[in-house]
PDB file of all heavy atoms in Angstrom:
ATOM      1  N   ARG A   1      14.942 186.778 -99.830  1.00  0.00           N
ATOM      2  CA  ARG A   1      14.367 185.655 -99.084  1.00  0.00           C
ATOM      3  C   ARG A   1      12.902 185.892 -98.742  1.00  0.00           C
ATOM      4  O   ARG A   1      12.151 184.942 -98.516  1.00  0.00           O
ATOM      5  CB  ARG A   1      15.174 185.401 -97.806  1.00  0.00           C
ATOM      6  CG  ARG A   1      16.516 184.739 -98.077  1.00  0.00           C
ATOM      7  CD  ARG A   1      17.237 184.401 -96.792  1.00  0.00           C
ATOM      8  NE  ARG A   1      17.669 185.600 -96.081  1.00  0.00           N
ATOM      9  CZ  ARG A   1      18.328 185.578 -94.934  1.00  0.00           C
ATOM     10  NH1 ARG A   1      18.614 184.420 -94.349  1.00  0.00           N
ATOM     11  NH2 ARG A   1      18.703 186.714 -94.357  1.00  0.00           N
ATOM     12  N   SER A   2      12.492 187.148 -98.696  1.00  0.00           N
ATOM     13  CA  SER A   2      11.076 187.488 -98.558  1.00  0.00           C
ATOM     14  C   SER A   2      10.686 188.269 -99.809  1.00  0.00           C
ATOM     15  O   SER A   2      11.543 188.697-100.573  1.00  0.00           O
ATOM     16  CB  SER A   2      10.848 188.358 -97.315  1.00  0.00           C
ATOM     17  OG  SER A   2      11.536 189.595 -97.442  1.00  0.00           O
ATOM     18  N   ASP A   3       9.365 188.429-100.026  1.00  0.00           N
ATOM     19  CA  ASP A   3       8.985 189.254-101.165  1.00  0.00           C
ATOM     20  C   ASP A   3       9.224 190.723-100.811  1.00  0.00           C
ATOM     21  O   ASP A   3       9.370 191.082 -99.645  1.00  0.00           O
ATOM     22  CB  ASP A   3       7.545 188.992-101.604  1.00  0.00           C
ATOM     23  CG  ASP A   3       6.508 189.326-100.541  1.00  0.00           C
ATOM     24  OD1 ASP A   3       6.723 190.282 -99.767  1.00  0.00           O
ATOM     25  OD2 ASP A   3       5.484 188.631-100.480  1.00  0.00           O
ATOM     26  N   LEU A   4       9.274 191.546-101.828  1.00  0.00           N
ATOM     27  CA  LEU A   4       9.636 192.943-101.613  1.00  0.00           C
ATOM     28  C   LEU A   4       8.588 193.663-100.771  1.00  0.00           C
ATOM     29  O   LEU A   4       8.936 194.488 -99.915  1.00  0.00           O
ATOM     30  CB  LEU A   4       9.817 193.659-102.951  1.00  0.00           C
ATOM     31  CG  LEU A   4      10.381 195.077-102.864  1.00  0.00           C
ATOM     32  CD1 LEU A   4      11.766 195.075-102.235  1.00  0.00           C
ATOM     33  CD2 LEU A   4      10.423 195.726-104.243  1.00  0.00           C
ATOM     34  N   ARG A   5       7.318 193.350-100.977  1.00  0.00           N
ATOM     35  CA  ARG A   5       6.292 194.011-100.183  1.00  0.00           C
ATOM     36  C   ARG A   5       6.464 193.674 -98.699  1.00  0.00           C
ATOM     37  O   ARG A   5       6.336 194.541 -97.830  1.00  0.00           O
ATOM     38  CB  ARG A   5       4.901 193.591-100.641  1.00  0.00           C
ATOM     39  CG  ARG A   5       3.822 194.320 -99.855  1.00  0.00           C
ATOM     40  CD  ARG A   5       2.447 193.805-100.160  1.00  0.00           C
ATOM     41  NE  ARG A   5       1.477 194.446 -99.283  1.00  0.00           N
ATOM     42  CZ  ARG A   5       0.353 193.876 -98.883  1.00  0.00           C
ATOM     43  NH1 ARG A   5       0.063 192.659 -99.252  1.00  0.00           N
ATOM     44  NH2 ARG A   5      -0.473 194.518 -98.099  1.00  0.00           N
ATOM     45  N   GLY A   6       6.769 192.406 -98.397  1.00  0.00           N
ATOM     46  CA  GLY A   6       6.998 192.023 -97.010  1.00  0.00           C
ATOM     47  C   GLY A   6       8.170 192.767 -96.408  1.00  0.00           C
ATOM     48  O   GLY A   6       8.148 193.155 -95.231  1.00  0.00           O
ATOM     49  N   TRP A   7       9.212 192.960 -97.202  1.00  0.00           N
ATOM     50  CA  TRP A   7      10.398 193.700 -96.741  1.00  0.00           C
ATOM     51  C   TRP A   7      10.025 195.149 -96.451  1.00  0.00           C
ATOM     52  O   TRP A   7      10.424 195.718 -95.430  1.00  0.00           O
ATOM     53  CB  TRP A   7      11.484 193.601 -97.799  1.00  0.00           C
ATOM     54  CG  TRP A   7      12.804 194.189 -97.429  1.00  0.00           C
ATOM     55  CD1 TRP A   7      13.679 193.743 -96.483  1.00  0.00           C
ATOM     56  CD2 TRP A   7      13.429 195.337 -98.028  1.00  0.00           C
ATOM     57  NE1 TRP A   7      14.805 194.532 -96.457  1.00  0.00           N
ATOM     58  CE2 TRP A   7      14.681 195.517 -97.392  1.00  0.00           C
ATOM     59  CE3 TRP A   7      13.060 196.208 -99.050  1.00  0.00           C
ATOM     60  CZ2 TRP A   7      15.551 196.547 -97.752  1.00  0.00           C
ATOM     61  CZ3 TRP A   7      13.927 197.232 -99.411  1.00  0.00           C
ATOM     62  CH2 TRP A   7      15.165 197.395 -98.750  1.00  0.00           C
ATOM     63  N   LEU A   8       9.242 195.765 -97.355  1.00  0.00           N
ATOM     64  CA  LEU A   8       8.807 197.145 -97.153  1.00  0.00           C
ATOM     65  C   LEU A   8       7.916 197.265 -95.919  1.00  0.00           C
ATOM     66  O   LEU A   8       8.027 198.223 -95.148  1.00  0.00           O
ATOM     67  CB  LEU A   8       8.055 197.642 -98.394  1.00  0.00           C
ATOM     68  CG  LEU A   8       8.894 197.860 -99.656  1.00  0.00           C
ATOM     69  CD1 LEU A   8       7.985 198.102-100.853  1.00  0.00           C
ATOM     70  CD2 LEU A   8       9.865 199.014 -99.474  1.00  0.00           C
ATOM     71  N   VAL A   9       7.031 196.295 -95.712  1.00  0.00           N
ATOM     72  CA  VAL A   9       6.175 196.302 -94.528  1.00  0.00           C
ATOM     73  C   VAL A   9       7.020 196.226 -93.258  1.00  0.00           C
ATOM     74  O   VAL A   9       6.738 196.892 -92.256  1.00  0.00           O
ATOM     75  CB  VAL A   9       5.165 195.138 -94.576  1.00  0.00           C
ATOM     76  CG1 VAL A   9       4.517 194.909 -93.212  1.00  0.00           C
ATOM     77  CG2 VAL A   9       4.088 195.420 -95.623  1.00  0.00           C
ATOM     78  N   GLY A  10       8.089 195.411 -93.295  1.00  0.00           N
ATOM     79  CA  GLY A  10       8.979 195.318 -92.138  1.00  0.00           C
ATOM     80  C   GLY A  10       9.617 196.654 -91.805  1.00  0.00           C
ATOM     81  O   GLY A  10       9.727 197.026 -90.627  1.00  0.00           O
ATOM     82  N   ILE A  11      10.035 197.379 -92.838  1.00  0.00           N
ATOM     83  CA  ILE A  11      10.606 198.712 -92.619  1.00  0.00           C
ATOM     84  C   ILE A  11       9.548 199.639 -92.042  1.00  0.00           C
ATOM     85  O   ILE A  11       9.802 200.399 -91.089  1.00  0.00           O
ATOM     86  CB  ILE A  11      11.165 199.286 -93.934  1.00  0.00           C
ATOM     87  CG1 ILE A  11      12.363 198.439 -94.418  1.00  0.00           C
ATOM     88  CG2 ILE A  11      11.588 200.746 -93.755  1.00  0.00           C
ATOM     89  CD1 ILE A  11      12.881 198.838 -95.781  1.00  0.00           C
ATOM     90  N   ALA A  12       8.328 199.579 -92.613  1.00  0.00           N
ATOM     91  CA  ALA A  12       7.245 200.434 -92.120  1.00  0.00           C
ATOM     92  C   ALA A  12       6.934 200.147 -90.653  1.00  0.00           C
ATOM     93  O   ALA A  12       6.692 201.072 -89.868  1.00  0.00           O
ATOM     94  CB  ALA A  12       5.996 200.232 -92.983  1.00  0.00           C
ATOM     95  N   LYS A  13       6.945 198.881 -90.266  1.00  0.00           N
ATOM     96  CA  LYS A  13       6.693 198.527 -88.861  1.00  0.00           C
ATOM     97  C   LYS A  13       7.719 199.186 -87.950  1.00  0.00           C
ATOM     98  O   LYS A  13       7.383 199.696 -86.871  1.00  0.00           O
ATOM     99  CB  LYS A  13       6.734 197.010 -88.678  1.00  0.00           C
ATOM    100  CG  LYS A  13       5.521 196.275 -89.211  1.00  0.00           C
ATOM    101  CD  LYS A  13       5.667 194.782 -88.960  1.00  0.00           C
ATOM    102  CE  LYS A  13       4.472 194.013 -89.486  1.00  0.00           C
ATOM    103  NZ  LYS A  13       4.621 192.549 -89.270  1.00  0.00           N
ATOM    104  N   ASN A  14       8.984 199.165 -88.362  1.00  0.00           N
ATOM    105  CA  ASN A  14      10.033 199.786 -87.546  1.00  0.00           C
ATOM    106  C   ASN A  14       9.812 201.287 -87.430  1.00  0.00           C
ATOM    107  O   ASN A  14      10.016 201.869 -86.351  1.00  0.00           O
ATOM    108  CB  ASN A  14      11.405 199.494 -88.146  1.00  0.00           C
ATOM    109  CG  ASN A  14      11.825 198.050 -87.957  1.00  0.00           C
ATOM    110  OD1 ASN A  14      11.380 197.377 -87.024  1.00  0.00           O
ATOM    111  ND2 ASN A  14      12.676 197.558 -88.833  1.00  0.00           N
ATOM    112  N   LYS A  15       9.409 201.914 -88.524  1.00  0.00           N
ATOM    113  CA  LYS A  15       9.155 203.355 -88.485  1.00  0.00           C
ATOM    114  C   LYS A  15       7.973 203.682 -87.571  1.00  0.00           C
ATOM    115  O   LYS A  15       7.986 204.684 -86.839  1.00  0.00           O
ATOM    116  CB  LYS A  15       8.886 203.885 -89.898  1.00  0.00           C
ATOM    117  CG  LYS A  15      10.036 203.684 -90.880  1.00  0.00           C
ATOM    118  CD  LYS A  15      11.315 204.351 -90.394  1.00  0.00           C
ATOM    119  CE  LYS A  15      12.471 204.113 -91.350  1.00  0.00           C
ATOM    120  NZ  LYS A  15      13.733 204.702 -90.849  1.00  0.00           N
ATOM    121  N   ILE A  16       6.952 202.836 -87.626  1.00  0.00           N
ATOM    122  CA  ILE A  16       5.783 203.053 -86.775  1.00  0.00           C
ATOM    123  C   ILE A  16       6.162 202.887 -85.303  1.00  0.00           C
ATOM    124  O   ILE A  16       5.704 203.640 -84.434  1.00  0.00           O
ATOM    125  CB  ILE A  16       4.655 202.085 -87.172  1.00  0.00           C
ATOM    126  CG1 ILE A  16       4.120 202.458 -88.559  1.00  0.00           C
ATOM    127  CG2 ILE A  16       3.524 202.114 -86.143  1.00  0.00           C
ATOM    128  CD1 ILE A  16       3.210 201.411 -89.172  1.00  0.00           C
ATOM    129  N   ARG A  17       7.012 201.897 -85.006  1.00  0.00           N
ATOM    130  CA  ARG A  17       7.458 201.714 -83.614  1.00  0.00           C
ATOM    131  C   ARG A  17       8.198 202.954 -83.112  1.00  0.00           C
ATOM    132  O   ARG A  17       8.066 203.343 -81.944  1.00  0.00           O
ATOM    133  CB  ARG A  17       8.353 200.484 -83.518  1.00  0.00           C
ATOM    134  CG  ARG A  17       7.618 199.163 -83.688  1.00  0.00           C
ATOM    135  CD  ARG A  17       8.497 197.972 -83.388  1.00  0.00           C
ATOM    136  NE  ARG A  17       7.819 196.736 -83.730  1.00  0.00           N
ATOM    137  CZ  ARG A  17       8.094 195.995 -84.795  1.00  0.00           C
ATOM    138  NH1 ARG A  17       9.055 196.381 -85.631  1.00  0.00           N
ATOM    139  NH2 ARG A  17       7.428 194.886 -85.046  1.00  0.00           N
ATOM    140  N   GLU A  18       8.986 203.570 -83.986  1.00  0.00           N
ATOM    141  CA  GLU A  18       9.682 204.788 -83.597  1.00  0.00           C
ATOM    142  C   GLU A  18       8.682 205.889 -83.247  1.00  0.00           C
ATOM    143  O   GLU A  18       8.876 206.634 -82.277  1.00  0.00           O
ATOM    144  CB  GLU A  18      10.598 205.244 -84.741  1.00  0.00           C
ATOM    145  CG  GLU A  18      11.775 204.314 -85.006  1.00  0.00           C
ATOM    146  CD  GLU A  18      12.578 204.737 -86.229  1.00  0.00           C
ATOM    147  OE1 GLU A  18      12.296 205.822 -86.791  1.00  0.00           O
ATOM    148  OE2 GLU A  18      13.481 203.975 -86.638  1.00  0.00           O
ATOM    149  N   VAL A  19       7.617 205.982 -84.038  1.00  0.00           N
ATOM    150  CA  VAL A  19       6.586 206.982 -83.769  1.00  0.00           C
ATOM    151  C   VAL A  19       5.897 206.689 -82.448  1.00  0.00           C
ATOM    152  O   VAL A  19       5.597 207.589 -81.654  1.00  0.00           O
ATOM    153  CB  VAL A  19       5.561 207.013 -84.920  1.00  0.00           C
ATOM    154  CG1 VAL A  19       4.343 207.860 -84.544  1.00  0.00           C
ATOM    155  CG2 VAL A  19       6.205 207.559 -86.186  1.00  0.00           C
ATOM    156  N   ARG A  20       5.645 205.413 -82.171  1.00  0.00           N
ATOM    157  CA  ARG A  20       4.888 205.022 -80.977  1.00  0.00           C
ATOM    158  C   ARG A  20       5.630 205.314 -79.683  1.00  0.00           C
ATOM    159  O   ARG A  20       5.005 205.403 -78.626  1.00  0.00           O
ATOM    160  CB  ARG A  20       4.550 203.537 -81.039  1.00  0.00           C
ATOM    161  CG  ARG A  20       3.526 203.268 -82.081  1.00  0.00           C
ATOM    162  CD  ARG A  20       3.040 201.848 -82.037  1.00  0.00           C
ATOM    163  NE  ARG A  20       2.139 201.674 -83.157  1.00  0.00           N
ATOM    164  CZ  ARG A  20       0.948 202.219 -83.239  1.00  0.00           C
ATOM    165  NH1 ARG A  20       0.503 202.943 -82.244  1.00  0.00           N
ATOM    166  NH2 ARG A  20       0.200 202.050 -84.302  1.00  0.00           N
ATOM    167  N   ARG A  21       6.937 205.400 -79.772  1.00  0.00           N
ATOM    168  CA  ARG A  21       7.688 205.719 -78.558  1.00  0.00           C
ATOM    169  C   ARG A  21       7.330 207.111 -78.029  1.00  0.00           C
ATOM    170  O   ARG A  21       7.584 207.429 -76.869  1.00  0.00           O
ATOM    171  CB  ARG A  21       9.191 205.630 -78.837  1.00  0.00           C
ATOM    172  CG  ARG A  21       9.650 204.216 -79.173  1.00  0.00           C
ATOM    173  CD  ARG A  21      11.160 204.122 -79.196  1.00  0.00           C
ATOM    174  NE  ARG A  21      11.584 202.814 -79.654  1.00  0.00           N
ATOM    175  CZ  ARG A  21      12.104 202.561 -80.854  1.00  0.00           C
ATOM    176  NH1 ARG A  21      12.290 203.558 -81.709  1.00  0.00           N
ATOM    177  NH2 ARG A  21      12.459 201.337 -81.198  1.00  0.00           N
ATOM    178  N   LYS A  22       6.735 207.933 -78.897  1.00  0.00           N
ATOM    179  CA  LYS A  22       6.354 209.292 -78.510  1.00  0.00           C
ATOM    180  C   LYS A  22       4.856 209.413 -78.231  1.00  0.00           C
ATOM    181  O   LYS A  22       4.384 210.485 -77.886  1.00  0.00           O
ATOM    182  CB  LYS A  22       6.732 210.271 -79.623  1.00  0.00           C
ATOM    183  CG  LYS A  22       8.204 210.195 -80.017  1.00  0.00           C
ATOM    184  CD  LYS A  22       8.479 211.073 -81.228  1.00  0.00           C
ATOM    185  CE  LYS A  22       9.921 210.944 -81.693  1.00  0.00           C
ATOM    186  NZ  LYS A  22      10.185 211.756 -82.910  1.00  0.00           N
ATOM    187  N   LYS A  23       4.131 208.301 -78.408  1.00  0.00           N
ATOM    188  CA  LYS A  23       2.675 208.343 -78.223  1.00  0.00           C
ATOM    189  C   LYS A  23       2.246 207.152 -77.376  1.00  0.00           C
ATOM    190  O   LYS A  23       2.884 206.115 -77.393  1.00  0.00           O
ATOM    191  CB  LYS A  23       1.961 208.266 -79.584  1.00  0.00           C
ATOM    192  CG  LYS A  23       2.306 209.399 -80.530  1.00  0.00           C
ATOM    193  CD  LYS A  23       1.744 209.149 -81.909  1.00  0.00           C
ATOM    194  CE  LYS A  23       0.244 209.095 -81.913  1.00  0.00           C
ATOM    195  NZ  LYS A  23      -0.320 208.912 -83.259  1.00  0.00           N
ATOM    196  N   ALA A  24       1.115 207.304 -76.656  1.00  0.00           N
ATOM    197  CA  ALA A  24       0.659 206.185 -75.844  1.00  0.00           C
ATOM    198  C   ALA A  24      -0.853 205.997 -75.780  1.00  0.00           C
ATOM    199  O   ALA A  24      -1.354 205.441 -74.816  1.00  0.00           O
ATOM    200  CB  ALA A  24       1.196 206.329 -74.426  1.00  0.00           C
ATOM    201  N   PRO A  25      -1.628 206.426 -76.768  1.00  0.00           N
ATOM    202  CA  PRO A  25      -3.071 206.182 -76.705  1.00  0.00           C
ATOM    203  C   PRO A  25      -3.391 204.735 -77.063  1.00  0.00           C
ATOM    204  O   PRO A  25      -2.649 204.114 -77.823  1.00  0.00           O
ATOM    205  CB  PRO A  25      -3.639 207.134 -77.767  1.00  0.00           C
ATOM    206  CG  PRO A  25      -2.545 207.240 -78.768  1.00  0.00           C
ATOM    207  CD  PRO A  25      -1.263 207.152 -77.994  1.00  0.00           C
ATOM    208  N   ARG A  26      -4.451 204.198 -76.543  1.00  0.00           N
ATOM    209  CA  ARG A  26      -4.853 202.848 -76.925  1.00  0.00           C
ATOM    210  C   ARG A  26      -6.018 202.950 -77.905  1.00  0.00           C
ATOM    211  O   ARG A  26      -7.178 203.021 -77.521  1.00  0.00           O
ATOM    212  CB  ARG A  26      -5.251 202.025 -75.715  1.00  0.00           C
ATOM    213  CG  ARG A  26      -5.597 200.589 -76.106  1.00  0.00           C
ATOM    214  CD  ARG A  26      -5.627 199.666 -74.925  1.00  0.00           C
ATOM    215  NE  ARG A  26      -5.939 198.312 -75.331  1.00  0.00           N
ATOM    216  CZ  ARG A  26      -5.047 197.460 -75.834  1.00  0.00           C
ATOM    217  NH1 ARG A  26      -3.793 197.834 -75.974  1.00  0.00           N
ATOM    218  NH2 ARG A  26      -5.404 196.245 -76.189  1.00  0.00           N
ATOM    219  N   ARG A  27      -5.672 202.939 -79.162  1.00  0.00           N
ATOM    220  CA  ARG A  27      -6.662 202.990 -80.228  1.00  0.00           C
ATOM    221  C   ARG A  27      -6.472 201.772 -81.112  1.00  0.00           C
ATOM    222  O   ARG A  27      -5.631 200.930 -80.842  1.00  0.00           O
ATOM    223  CB  ARG A  27      -6.497 204.289 -81.029  1.00  0.00           C
ATOM    224  CG  ARG A  27      -6.721 205.542 -80.183  1.00  0.00           C
ATOM    225  CD  ARG A  27      -6.519 206.791 -80.993  1.00  0.00           C
ATOM    226  NE  ARG A  27      -5.136 206.929 -81.449  1.00  0.00           N
ATOM    227  CZ  ARG A  27      -4.729 207.883 -82.280  1.00  0.00           C
ATOM    228  NH1 ARG A  27      -5.577 208.741 -82.762  1.00  0.00           N
ATOM    229  NH2 ARG A  27      -3.446 207.962 -82.617  1.00  0.00           N
ATOM    230  N   ILE A  28      -7.233 201.686 -82.210  1.00  0.00           N
ATOM    231  CA  ILE A  28      -7.154 200.502 -83.066  1.00  0.00           C
ATOM    232  C   ILE A  28      -5.745 200.295 -83.596  1.00  0.00           C
ATOM    233  O   ILE A  28      -5.254 199.174 -83.721  1.00  0.00           O
ATOM    234  CB  ILE A  28      -8.171 200.592 -84.240  1.00  0.00           C
ATOM    235  CG1 ILE A  28      -8.129 199.321 -85.084  1.00  0.00           C
ATOM    236  CG2 ILE A  28      -7.909 201.815 -85.105  1.00  0.00           C
ATOM    237  CD1 ILE A  28      -8.497 198.075 -84.336  1.00  0.00           C
ATOM    238  N   GLU A  29      -5.052 201.411 -83.896  1.00  0.00           N
ATOM    239  CA  GLU A  29      -3.696 201.259 -84.424  1.00  0.00           C
ATOM    240  C   GLU A  29      -2.739 200.684 -83.386  1.00  0.00           C
ATOM    241  O   GLU A  29      -1.788 199.972 -83.725  1.00  0.00           O
ATOM    242  CB  GLU A  29      -3.170 202.596 -84.964  1.00  0.00           C
ATOM    243  CG  GLU A  29      -3.290 203.775 -84.017  1.00  0.00           C
ATOM    244  CD  GLU A  29      -4.580 204.538 -84.202  1.00  0.00           C
ATOM    245  OE1 GLU A  29      -5.557 203.946 -84.718  1.00  0.00           O
ATOM    246  OE2 GLU A  29      -4.627 205.719 -83.827  1.00  0.00           O
ATOM    247  N   ASP A  30      -2.967 200.977 -82.103  1.00  0.00           N
ATOM    248  CA  ASP A  30      -2.138 200.409 -81.043  1.00  0.00           C
ATOM    249  C   ASP A  30      -2.412 198.918 -80.887  1.00  0.00           C
ATOM    250  O   ASP A  30      -1.511 198.125 -80.642  1.00  0.00           O
ATOM    251  CB  ASP A  30      -2.398 201.130 -79.718  1.00  0.00           C
ATOM    252  CG  ASP A  30      -2.059 202.603 -79.805  1.00  0.00           C
ATOM    253  OD1 ASP A  30      -0.873 202.929 -79.984  1.00  0.00           O
ATOM    254  OD2 ASP A  30      -2.985 203.418 -79.730  1.00  0.00           O
ATOM    255  N   VAL A  31      -3.675 198.558 -81.007  1.00  0.00           N
ATOM    256  CA  VAL A  31      -4.029 197.142 -80.956  1.00  0.00           C
ATOM    257  C   VAL A  31      -3.336 196.384 -82.073  1.00  0.00           C
ATOM    258  O   VAL A  31      -2.805 195.293 -81.885  1.00  0.00           O
ATOM    259  CB  VAL A  31      -5.566 196.966 -81.049  1.00  0.00           C
ATOM    260  CG1 VAL A  31      -5.930 195.493 -81.168  1.00  0.00           C
ATOM    261  CG2 VAL A  31      -6.241 197.576 -79.829  1.00  0.00           C
ATOM    262  N   LEU A  32      -3.340 196.969 -83.270  1.00  0.00           N
ATOM    263  CA  LEU A  32      -2.668 196.332 -84.405  1.00  0.00           C
ATOM    264  C   LEU A  32      -1.182 196.148 -84.139  1.00  0.00           C
ATOM    265  O   LEU A  32      -0.600 195.116 -84.469  1.00  0.00           O
ATOM    266  CB  LEU A  32      -2.869 197.177 -85.673  1.00  0.00           C
ATOM    267  CG  LEU A  32      -4.192 196.973 -86.397  1.00  0.00           C
ATOM    268  CD1 LEU A  32      -4.423 198.104 -87.373  1.00  0.00           C
ATOM    269  CD2 LEU A  32      -4.217 195.636 -87.109  1.00  0.00           C
ATOM    270  N   ALA A  33      -0.574 197.161 -83.555  1.00  0.00           N
ATOM    271  CA  ALA A  33       0.870 197.104 -83.321  1.00  0.00           C
ATOM    272  C   ALA A  33       1.254 195.943 -82.423  1.00  0.00           C
ATOM    273  O   ALA A  33       2.305 195.334 -82.594  1.00  0.00           O
ATOM    274  CB  ALA A  33       1.358 198.417 -82.706  1.00  0.00           C
ATOM    275  N   GLU A  34       0.420 195.614 -81.460  1.00  0.00           N
ATOM    276  CA  GLU A  34       0.747 194.536 -80.539  1.00  0.00           C
ATOM    277  C   GLU A  34       0.203 193.197 -81.015  1.00  0.00           C
ATOM    278  O   GLU A  34       0.389 192.179 -80.353  1.00  0.00           O
ATOM    279  CB  GLU A  34       0.202 194.839 -79.151  1.00  0.00           C
ATOM    280  CG  GLU A  34      -1.307 194.757 -79.031  1.00  0.00           C
ATOM    281  CD  GLU A  34      -1.788 195.048 -77.618  1.00  0.00           C
ATOM    282  OE1 GLU A  34      -1.137 195.846 -76.915  1.00  0.00           O
ATOM    283  OE2 GLU A  34      -2.816 194.474 -77.234  1.00  0.00           O
ATOM    284  N   SER A  35      -0.474 193.178 -82.156  1.00  0.00           N
ATOM    285  CA  SER A  35      -1.128 191.956 -82.624  1.00  0.00           C
ATOM    286  C   SER A  35      -0.411 191.289 -83.776  1.00  0.00           C
ATOM    287  O   SER A  35      -0.886 190.280 -84.295  1.00  0.00           O
ATOM    288  CB  SER A  35      -2.573 192.278 -83.052  1.00  0.00           C
ATOM    289  OG  SER A  35      -3.309 192.789 -81.980  1.00  0.00           O
ATOM    290  N   ASP A  36       0.731 191.814 -84.203  1.00  0.00           N
ATOM    291  CA  ASP A  36       1.396 191.268 -85.378  1.00  0.00           C
ATOM    292  C   ASP A  36       1.695 189.780 -85.241  1.00  0.00           C
ATOM    293  O   ASP A  36       1.503 189.002 -86.174  1.00  0.00           O
ATOM    294  CB  ASP A  36       2.691 192.038 -85.669  1.00  0.00           C
ATOM    295  CG  ASP A  36       2.415 193.408 -86.272  1.00  0.00           C
ATOM    296  OD1 ASP A  36       1.398 193.545 -86.969  1.00  0.00           O
ATOM    297  OD2 ASP A  36       3.210 194.322 -86.034  1.00  0.00           O
ATOM    298  N   ALA A  37       2.197 189.368 -84.080  1.00  0.00           N
ATOM    299  CA  ALA A  37       2.546 187.963 -83.888  1.00  0.00           C
ATOM    300  C   ALA A  37       1.301 187.084 -83.968  1.00  0.00           C
ATOM    301  O   ALA A  37       1.320 186.000 -84.576  1.00  0.00           O
ATOM    302  CB  ALA A  37       3.249 187.766 -82.544  1.00  0.00           C
ATOM    303  N   ASP A  38       0.198 187.549 -83.371  1.00  0.00           N
ATOM    304  CA  ASP A  38      -1.045 186.791 -83.423  1.00  0.00           C
ATOM    305  C   ASP A  38      -1.580 186.710 -84.848  1.00  0.00           C
ATOM    306  O   ASP A  38      -2.082 185.668 -85.282  1.00  0.00           O
ATOM    307  CB  ASP A  38      -2.102 187.449 -82.527  1.00  0.00           C
ATOM    308  CG  ASP A  38      -1.697 187.440 -81.062  1.00  0.00           C
ATOM    309  OD1 ASP A  38      -1.419 186.352 -80.543  1.00  0.00           O
ATOM    310  OD2 ASP A  38      -1.652 188.510 -80.457  1.00  0.00           O
TER     311      ASP A  38
END
C-alpha cells in the first residue's frame, strides 16, 4: 500500500525513536524527529 522506500523509512523512524529514549540533546536530528508531521 506504500512504496518500499516509505516502508523502510517507517522502520528506520521506529529504530531512531528507540535510540532517542536513551538520549535527550536538542540538536538538528531532534528537531527532525519532532517535525515529521509538519
